[in-house]
Amino acid sequence: MILDSNKIAAHNDGLFTAHKNKLVFSASEIAETENIIQKLIDFQIAIPSWALGTGGTRFGRFPGGGEPRSIEEKIEDVGLLHAL
């Protein structure tokens, strides 16, 4: 599945006002809000390649629908996760 940035932006636009109101309220109640937000922005999570499939055992592999079939499809899936 390929999502372009316009689809993500269109989805986020409908939620922006409510999110901004909640952020303003939280910032008024929580000290160092900007510092916390920066730490969240800097936080990175690695996505292991085995997380992109349904897996299997030493006796066989049990693929599921939509599972990546090649390294290129795995890279595409990781890109999608990163974009979201």
PDB file of N, CA and C in Angstrom:
ATOM      1  N   MET A   1       0.845  -1.172   0.000  1.00  0.00           N
ATOM      2  CA  MET A   1       0.000   0.000   0.000  1.00  0.00           C
ATOM      3  C   MET A   1       0.893   1.240   0.000  1.00  0.00           C
ATOM      4  N   ILE A   2       0.624   2.130  -0.887  1.00  0.00           N
ATOM      5  CA  ILE A   2       1.395   3.362  -0.950  1.00  0.00           C
ATOM      6  C   ILE A   2       0.473   4.519  -0.585  1.00  0.00           C
ATOM      7  N   LEU A   3       0.865   5.249   0.447  1.00  0.00           N
ATOM      8  CA  LEU A   3       0.129   6.443   0.848  1.00  0.00           C
ATOM      9  C   LEU A   3       0.975   7.651   0.497  1.00  0.00           C
ATOM     10  N   ASP A   4       0.380   8.615  -0.148  1.00  0.00           N
ATOM     11  CA  ASP A   4       1.153   9.823  -0.386  1.00  0.00           C
ATOM     12  C   ASP A   4       0.897  10.815   0.747  1.00  0.00           C
ATOM     13  N   SER A   5       1.736  11.806   0.835  1.00  0.00           N
ATOM     14  CA  SER A   5       1.649  12.763   1.938  1.00  0.00           C
ATOM     15  C   SER A   5       0.336  13.538   1.918  1.00  0.00           C
ATOM     16  N   ASN A   6      -0.290  13.677   0.752  1.00  0.00           N
ATOM     17  CA  ASN A   6      -1.573  14.389   0.677  1.00  0.00           C
ATOM     18  C   ASN A   6      -2.675  13.637   1.412  1.00  0.00           C
ATOM     19  N   LYS A   7      -2.681  12.300   1.315  1.00  0.00           N
ATOM     20  CA  LYS A   7      -3.691  11.512   2.017  1.00  0.00           C
ATOM     21  C   LYS A   7      -3.501  11.602   3.526  1.00  0.00           C
ATOM     22  N   ILE A   8      -2.250  11.543   3.972  1.00  0.00           N
ATOM     23  CA  ILE A   8      -1.970  11.658   5.402  1.00  0.00           C
ATOM     24  C   ILE A   8      -2.370  13.047   5.895  1.00  0.00           C
ATOM     25  N   ALA A   9      -2.015  14.085   5.138  1.00  0.00           N
ATOM     26  CA  ALA A   9      -2.358  15.455   5.522  1.00  0.00           C
ATOM     27  C   ALA A   9      -3.867  15.663   5.555  1.00  0.00           C
ATOM     28  N   ALA A  10      -4.590  15.108   4.589  1.00  0.00           N
ATOM     29  CA  ALA A  10      -6.048  15.247   4.563  1.00  0.00           C
ATOM     30  C   ALA A  10      -6.679  14.601   5.788  1.00  0.00           C
ATOM     31  N   HIS A  11      -6.167  13.451   6.177  1.00  0.00           N
ATOM     32  CA  HIS A  11      -6.682  12.784   7.376  1.00  0.00           C
ATOM     33  C   HIS A  11      -6.388  13.620   8.620  1.00  0.00           C
ATOM     34  N   ASN A  12      -5.166  14.123   8.717  1.00  0.00           N
ATOM     35  CA  ASN A  12      -4.767  14.894   9.893  1.00  0.00           C
ATOM     36  C   ASN A  12      -5.477  16.235   9.989  1.00  0.00           C
ATOM     37  N   ASP A  13      -5.821  16.851   8.850  1.00  0.00           N
ATOM     38  CA  ASP A  13      -6.479  18.157   8.858  1.00  0.00           C
ATOM     39  C   ASP A  13      -7.786  18.143   9.635  1.00  0.00           C
ATOM     40  N   GLY A  14      -8.533  17.067   9.510  1.00  0.00           N
ATOM     41  CA  GLY A  14      -9.808  16.977  10.215  1.00  0.00           C
ATOM     42  C   GLY A  14      -9.655  16.864  11.720  1.00  0.00           C
ATOM     43  N   LEU A  15      -8.487  16.473  12.178  1.00  0.00           N
ATOM     44  CA  LEU A  15      -8.244  16.277  13.607  1.00  0.00           C
ATOM     45  C   LEU A  15      -7.422  17.400  14.227  1.00  0.00           C
ATOM     46  N   PHE A  16      -6.925  18.317  13.405  1.00  0.00           N
ATOM     47  CA  PHE A  16      -5.961  19.310  13.871  1.00  0.00           C
ATOM     48  C   PHE A  16      -6.518  20.229  14.954  1.00  0.00           C
ATOM     49  N   THR A  17      -7.707  20.777  14.778  1.00  0.00           N
ATOM     50  CA  THR A  17      -8.260  21.732  15.740  1.00  0.00           C
ATOM     51  C   THR A  17      -8.441  21.106  17.112  1.00  0.00           C
ATOM     52  N   ALA A  18      -9.008  19.908  17.154  1.00  0.00           N
ATOM     53  CA  ALA A  18      -9.203  19.229  18.440  1.00  0.00           C
ATOM     54  C   ALA A  18      -7.855  18.927  19.090  1.00  0.00           C
ATOM     55  N   HIS A  19      -6.889  18.498  18.296  1.00  0.00           N
ATOM     56  CA  HIS A  19      -5.553  18.205  18.829  1.00  0.00           C
ATOM     57  C   HIS A  19      -4.900  19.469  19.387  1.00  0.00           C
ATOM     58  N   LYS A  20      -5.010  20.572  18.657  1.00  0.00           N
ATOM     59  CA  LYS A  20      -4.406  21.829  19.106  1.00  0.00           C
ATOM     60  C   LYS A  20      -5.021  22.284  20.424  1.00  0.00           C
ATOM     61  N   ASN A  21      -6.337  22.172  20.557  1.00  0.00           N
ATOM     62  CA  ASN A  21      -7.003  22.557  21.806  1.00  0.00           C
ATOM     63  C   ASN A  21      -6.522  21.704  22.973  1.00  0.00           C
ATOM     64  N   LYS A  22      -6.380  20.413  22.750  1.00  0.00           N
ATOM     65  CA  LYS A  22      -5.891  19.521  23.808  1.00  0.00           C
ATOM     66  C   LYS A  22      -4.443  19.841  24.167  1.00  0.00           C
ATOM     67  N   LEU A  23      -3.638  20.177  23.168  1.00  0.00           N
ATOM     68  CA  LEU A  23      -2.239  20.516  23.420  1.00  0.00           C
ATOM     69  C   LEU A  23      -2.123  21.805  24.225  1.00  0.00           C
ATOM     70  N   VAL A  24      -2.913  22.806  23.892  1.00  0.00           N
ATOM     71  CA  VAL A  24      -2.890  24.070  24.637  1.00  0.00           C
ATOM     72  C   VAL A  24      -3.284  23.829  26.090  1.00  0.00           C
ATOM     73  N   PHE A  25      -4.317  23.024  26.310  1.00  0.00           N
ATOM     74  CA  PHE A  25      -4.734  22.712  27.677  1.00  0.00           C
ATOM     75  C   PHE A  25      -3.636  21.963  28.419  1.00  0.00           C
ATOM     76  N   SER A  26      -3.057  20.951  27.784  1.00  0.00           N
ATOM     77  CA  SER A  26      -1.996  20.169  28.426  1.00  0.00           C
ATOM     78  C   SER A  26      -0.793  21.043  28.760  1.00  0.00           C
ATOM     79  N   ALA A  27      -0.431  21.939  27.859  1.00  0.00           N
ATOM     80  CA  ALA A  27       0.714  22.821  28.089  1.00  0.00           C
ATOM     81  C   ALA A  27       0.469  23.750  29.265  1.00  0.00           C
ATOM     82  N   SER A  28      -0.786  24.107  29.502  1.00  0.00           N
ATOM     83  CA  SER A  28      -1.088  24.978  30.642  1.00  0.00           C
ATOM     84  C   SER A  28      -1.044  24.220  31.967  1.00  0.00           C
ATOM     85  N   GLU A  29      -1.165  22.909  31.924  1.00  0.00           N
ATOM     86  CA  GLU A  29      -1.198  22.094  33.138  1.00  0.00           C
ATOM     87  C   GLU A  29       0.117  21.369  33.431  1.00  0.00           C
ATOM     88  N   ILE A  30       0.936  21.142  32.426  1.00  0.00           N
ATOM     89  CA  ILE A  30       2.148  20.333  32.577  1.00  0.00           C
ATOM     90  C   ILE A  30       3.378  21.203  32.340  1.00  0.00           C
ATOM     91  N   ALA A  31       4.299  21.168  33.302  1.00  0.00           N
ATOM     92  CA  ALA A  31       5.535  21.940  33.171  1.00  0.00           C
ATOM     93  C   ALA A  31       6.433  21.313  32.102  1.00  0.00           C
ATOM     94  N   GLU A  32       7.194  22.151  31.428  1.00  0.00           N
ATOM     95  CA  GLU A  32       8.175  21.717  30.424  1.00  0.00           C
ATOM     96  C   GLU A  32       7.557  20.900  29.289  1.00  0.00           C
ATOM     97  N   THR A  33       6.404  21.307  28.826  1.00  0.00           N
ATOM     98  CA  THR A  33       5.718  20.591  27.751  1.00  0.00           C
ATOM     99  C   THR A  33       6.574  20.525  26.486  1.00  0.00           C
ATOM    100  N   GLU A  34       7.204  21.624  26.128  1.00  0.00           N
ATOM    101  CA  GLU A  34       8.028  21.648  24.911  1.00  0.00           C
ATOM    102  C   GLU A  34       9.184  20.658  25.005  1.00  0.00           C
ATOM    103  N   ASN A  35       9.781  20.536  26.187  1.00  0.00           N
ATOM    104  CA  ASN A  35      10.875  19.592  26.391  1.00  0.00           C
ATOM    105  C   ASN A  35      10.382  18.152  26.208  1.00  0.00           C
ATOM    106  N   ILE A  36       9.214  17.855  26.734  1.00  0.00           N
ATOM    107  CA  ILE A  36       8.627  16.517  26.601  1.00  0.00           C
ATOM    108  C   ILE A  36       8.335  16.210  25.132  1.00  0.00           C
ATOM    109  N   ILE A  37       7.770  17.173  24.431  1.00  0.00           N
ATOM    110  CA  ILE A  37       7.446  16.984  23.011  1.00  0.00           C
ATOM    111  C   ILE A  37       8.720  16.747  22.204  1.00  0.00           C
ATOM    112  N   GLN A  38       9.786  17.483  22.504  1.00  0.00           N
ATOM    113  CA  GLN A  38      11.044  17.289  21.781  1.00  0.00           C
ATOM    114  C   GLN A  38      11.609  15.900  22.030  1.00  0.00           C
ATOM    115  N   LYS A  39      11.498  15.399  23.250  1.00  0.00           N
ATOM    116  CA  LYS A  39      11.970  14.041  23.548  1.00  0.00           C
ATOM    117  C   LYS A  39      11.169  13.004  22.758  1.00  0.00           C
ATOM    118  N   LEU A  40       9.867  13.229  22.603  1.00  0.00           N
ATOM    119  CA  LEU A  40       9.041  12.314  21.811  1.00  0.00           C
ATOM    120  C   LEU A  40       9.426  12.362  20.334  1.00  0.00           C
ATOM    121  N   ILE A  41       9.733  13.546  19.834  1.00  0.00           N
ATOM    122  CA  ILE A  41      10.149  13.693  18.435  1.00  0.00           C
ATOM    123  C   ILE A  41      11.463  12.964  18.190  1.00  0.00           C
ATOM    124  N   ASP A  42      12.391  13.074  19.148  1.00  0.00           N
ATOM    125  CA  ASP A  42      13.713  12.456  19.003  1.00  0.00           C
ATOM    126  C   ASP A  42      13.697  10.947  19.202  1.00  0.00           C
ATOM    127  N   PHE A  43      12.660  10.411  19.830  1.00  0.00           N
ATOM    128  CA  PHE A  43      12.579   8.985  20.137  1.00  0.00           C
ATOM    129  C   PHE A  43      12.391   8.188  18.848  1.00  0.00           C
ATOM    130  N   GLN A  44      13.209   7.171  18.643  1.00  0.00           N
ATOM    131  CA  GLN A  44      13.138   6.332  17.447  1.00  0.00           C
ATOM    132  C   GLN A  44      12.963   4.873  17.847  1.00  0.00           C
ATOM    133  N   ILE A  45      12.159   4.159  17.114  1.00  0.00           N
ATOM    134  CA  ILE A  45      11.955   2.733  17.353  1.00  0.00           C
ATOM    135  C   ILE A  45      12.341   1.984  16.086  1.00  0.00           C
ATOM    136  N   ALA A  46      13.221   1.010  16.237  1.00  0.00           N
ATOM    137  CA  ALA A  46      13.621   0.183  15.096  1.00  0.00           C
ATOM    138  C   ALA A  46      12.521  -0.832  14.805  1.00  0.00           C
ATOM    139  N   ILE A  47      12.279  -1.087  13.548  1.00  0.00           N
ATOM    140  CA  ILE A  47      11.269  -2.060  13.140  1.00  0.00           C
ATOM    141  C   ILE A  47      11.998  -3.295  12.626  1.00  0.00           C
ATOM    142  N   PRO A  48      11.976  -4.395  13.385  1.00  0.00           N
ATOM    143  CA  PRO A  48      12.681  -5.600  12.938  1.00  0.00           C
ATOM    144  C   PRO A  48      11.993  -6.218  11.724  1.00  0.00           C
ATOM    145  N   SER A  49      12.782  -6.818  10.843  1.00  0.00           N
ATOM    146  CA  SER A  49      12.215  -7.381   9.614  1.00  0.00           C
ATOM    147  C   SER A  49      11.213  -8.491   9.907  1.00  0.00           C
ATOM    148  N   TRP A  50      11.397  -9.226  11.004  1.00  0.00           N
ATOM    149  CA  TRP A  50      10.471 -10.312  11.306  1.00  0.00           C
ATOM    150  C   TRP A  50       9.097  -9.795  11.730  1.00  0.00           C
ATOM    151  N   ALA A  51       8.996  -8.513  12.026  1.00  0.00           N
ATOM    152  CA  ALA A  51       7.709  -7.947  12.437  1.00  0.00           C
ATOM    153  C   ALA A  51       6.771  -7.731  11.252  1.00  0.00           C
ATOM    154  N   LEU A  52       7.270  -7.892  10.047  1.00  0.00           N
ATOM    155  CA  LEU A  52       6.474  -7.601   8.858  1.00  0.00           C
ATOM    156  C   LEU A  52       5.795  -8.820   8.260  1.00  0.00           C
ATOM    157  N   GLY A  53       5.890  -9.954   8.903  1.00  0.00           N
ATOM    158  CA  GLY A  53       5.268 -11.170   8.380  1.00  0.00           C
ATOM    159  C   GLY A  53       4.576 -11.935   9.481  1.00  0.00           C
ATOM    160  N   THR A  54       3.805 -12.932   9.089  1.00  0.00           N
ATOM    161  CA  THR A  54       3.107 -13.743  10.080  1.00  0.00           C
ATOM    162  C   THR A  54       3.993 -14.825  10.649  1.00  0.00           C
ATOM    163  N   GLY A  55       5.125 -15.083  10.004  1.00  0.00           N
ATOM    164  CA  GLY A  55       6.115 -15.992  10.555  1.00  0.00           C
ATOM    165  C   GLY A  55       5.876 -17.448  10.247  1.00  0.00           C
ATOM    166  N   GLY A  56       6.473 -18.286  11.079  1.00  0.00           N
ATOM    167  CA  GLY A  56       6.394 -19.723  10.885  1.00  0.00           C
ATOM    168  C   GLY A  56       7.202 -20.428  11.951  1.00  0.00           C
ATOM    169  N   THR A  57       7.517 -21.660  11.693  1.00  0.00           N
ATOM    170  CA  THR A  57       8.307 -22.463  12.624  1.00  0.00           C
ATOM    171  C   THR A  57       9.483 -23.052  11.869  1.00  0.00           C
ATOM    172  N   ARG A  58      10.259 -23.872  12.528  1.00  0.00           N
ATOM    173  CA  ARG A  58      11.380 -24.512  11.839  1.00  0.00           C
ATOM    174  C   ARG A  58      10.896 -25.528  10.815  1.00  0.00           C
ATOM    175  N   PHE A  59       9.617 -25.884  10.879  1.00  0.00           N
ATOM    176  CA  PHE A  59       9.056 -26.878   9.958  1.00  0.00           C
ATOM    177  C   PHE A  59       8.379 -26.261   8.740  1.00  0.00           C
ATOM    178  N   GLY A  60       8.082 -24.990   8.805  1.00  0.00           N
ATOM    179  CA  GLY A  60       7.419 -24.382   7.663  1.00  0.00           C
ATOM    180  C   GLY A  60       7.103 -22.927   7.904  1.00  0.00           C
ATOM    181  N   ARG A  61       6.752 -22.269   6.850  1.00  0.00           N
ATOM    182  CA  ARG A  61       6.400 -20.861   6.895  1.00  0.00           C
ATOM    183  C   ARG A  61       4.916 -20.739   6.627  1.00  0.00           C
ATOM    184  N   PHE A  62       4.259 -19.837   7.341  1.00  0.00           N
ATOM    185  CA  PHE A  62       2.814 -19.682   7.216  1.00  0.00           C
ATOM    186  C   PHE A  62       2.483 -18.242   6.847  1.00  0.00           C
ATOM    187  N   PRO A  63       2.600 -17.912   5.557  1.00  0.00           N
ATOM    188  CA  PRO A  63       2.352 -16.533   5.136  1.00  0.00           C
ATOM    189  C   PRO A  63       0.876 -16.165   5.231  1.00  0.00           C
ATOM    190  N   GLY A  64       0.632 -14.893   5.442  1.00  0.00           N
ATOM    191  CA  GLY A  64      -0.731 -14.379   5.486  1.00  0.00           C
ATOM    192  C   GLY A  64      -0.955 -13.401   4.353  1.00  0.00           C
ATOM    193  N   GLY A  65      -2.195 -13.035   4.140  1.00  0.00           N
ATOM    194  CA  GLY A  65      -2.520 -12.084   3.092  1.00  0.00           C
ATOM    195  C   GLY A  65      -1.901 -10.724   3.359  1.00  0.00           C
ATOM    196  N   GLY A  66      -1.345 -10.120   2.337  1.00  0.00           N
ATOM    197  CA  GLY A  66      -0.745  -8.802   2.468  1.00  0.00           C
ATOM    198  C   GLY A  66       0.673  -8.806   3.002  1.00  0.00           C
ATOM    199  N   GLU A  67       1.199  -9.983   3.306  1.00  0.00           N
ATOM    200  CA  GLU A  67       2.567 -10.083   3.815  1.00  0.00           C
ATOM    201  C   GLU A  67       3.550  -9.762   2.698  1.00  0.00           C
ATOM    202  N   PRO A  68       4.616  -8.999   2.998  1.00  0.00           N
ATOM    203  CA  PRO A  68       5.591  -8.685   1.950  1.00  0.00           C
ATOM    204  C   PRO A  68       6.274  -9.946   1.428  1.00  0.00           C
ATOM    205  N   ARG A  69       6.464  -9.992   0.108  1.00  0.00           N
ATOM    206  CA  ARG A  69       7.053 -11.169  -0.529  1.00  0.00           C
ATOM    207  C   ARG A  69       8.512 -10.977  -0.880  1.00  0.00           C
ATOM    208  N   SER A  70       8.994  -9.744  -0.798  1.00  0.00           N
ATOM    209  CA  SER A  70      10.379  -9.467  -1.189  1.00  0.00           C
ATOM    210  C   SER A  70      10.957  -8.394  -0.275  1.00  0.00           C
ATOM    211  N   ILE A  71      12.256  -8.201  -0.373  1.00  0.00           N
ATOM    212  CA  ILE A  71      12.912  -7.166   0.425  1.00  0.00           C
ATOM    213  C   ILE A  71      12.392  -5.782   0.039  1.00  0.00           C
ATOM    214  N   GLU A  72      12.066  -5.593  -1.231  1.00  0.00           N
ATOM    215  CA  GLU A  72      11.538  -4.305  -1.681  1.00  0.00           C
ATOM    216  C   GLU A  72      10.198  -4.005  -1.020  1.00  0.00           C
ATOM    217  N   GLU A  73       9.338  -5.024  -0.909  1.00  0.00           N
ATOM    218  CA  GLU A  73       8.040  -4.830  -0.264  1.00  0.00           C
ATOM    219  C   GLU A  73       8.203  -4.588   1.237  1.00  0.00           C
ATOM    220  N   LYS A  74       9.208  -5.223   1.858  1.00  0.00           N
ATOM    221  CA  LYS A  74       9.477  -4.963   3.280  1.00  0.00           C
ATOM    222  C   LYS A  74       9.914  -3.513   3.472  1.00  0.00           C
ATOM    223  N   ILE A  75      10.784  -3.032   2.600  1.00  0.00           N
ATOM    224  CA  ILE A  75      11.242  -1.642   2.689  1.00  0.00           C
ATOM    225  C   ILE A  75      10.066  -0.692   2.505  1.00  0.00           C
ATOM    226  N   GLU A  76       9.181  -1.009   1.568  1.00  0.00           N
ATOM    227  CA  GLU A  76       7.995  -0.189   1.342  1.00  0.00           C
ATOM    228  C   GLU A  76       7.110  -0.159   2.588  1.00  0.00           C
ATOM    229  N   ASP A  77       6.929  -1.310   3.240  1.00  0.00           N
ATOM    230  CA  ASP A  77       6.112  -1.376   4.454  1.00  0.00           C
ATOM    231  C   ASP A  77       6.721  -0.562   5.587  1.00  0.00           C
ATOM    232  N   VAL A  78       8.040  -0.643   5.748  1.00  0.00           N
ATOM    233  CA  VAL A  78       8.708   0.141   6.791  1.00  0.00           C
ATOM    234  C   VAL A  78       8.565   1.633   6.490  1.00  0.00           C
ATOM    235  N   GLY A  79       8.664   2.009   5.227  1.00  0.00           N
ATOM    236  CA  GLY A  79       8.457   3.404   4.841  1.00  0.00           C
ATOM    237  C   GLY A  79       7.062   3.885   5.185  1.00  0.00           C
ATOM    238  N   LEU A  80       6.076   3.027   4.972  1.00  0.00           N
ATOM    239  CA  LEU A  80       4.697   3.371   5.314  1.00  0.00           C
ATOM    240  C   LEU A  80       4.550   3.564   6.822  1.00  0.00           C
ATOM    241  N   LEU A  81       5.118   2.655   7.606  1.00  0.00           N
ATOM    242  CA  LEU A  81       5.060   2.794   9.065  1.00  0.00           C
ATOM    243  C   LEU A  81       5.732   4.084   9.517  1.00  0.00           C
ATOM    244  N   HIS A  82       6.861   4.404   8.918  1.00  0.00           N
ATOM    245  CA  HIS A  82       7.580   5.622   9.288  1.00  0.00           C
ATOM    246  C   HIS A  82       6.766   6.868   8.929  1.00  0.00           C
ATOM    247  N   ALA A  83       6.105   6.848   7.782  1.00  0.00           N
ATOM    248  CA  ALA A  83       5.309   8.002   7.357  1.00  0.00           C
ATOM    249  C   ALA A  83       4.122   8.239   8.283  1.00  0.00           C
ATOM    250  N   LEU A  84       3.559   7.148   8.788  1.00  0.00           N
ATOM    251  CA  LEU A  84       2.408   7.295   9.677  1.00  0.00           C
ATOM    252  C   LEU A  84       2.842   7.797  11.032  1.00  0.00           C
TER     253      LEU A  84
END
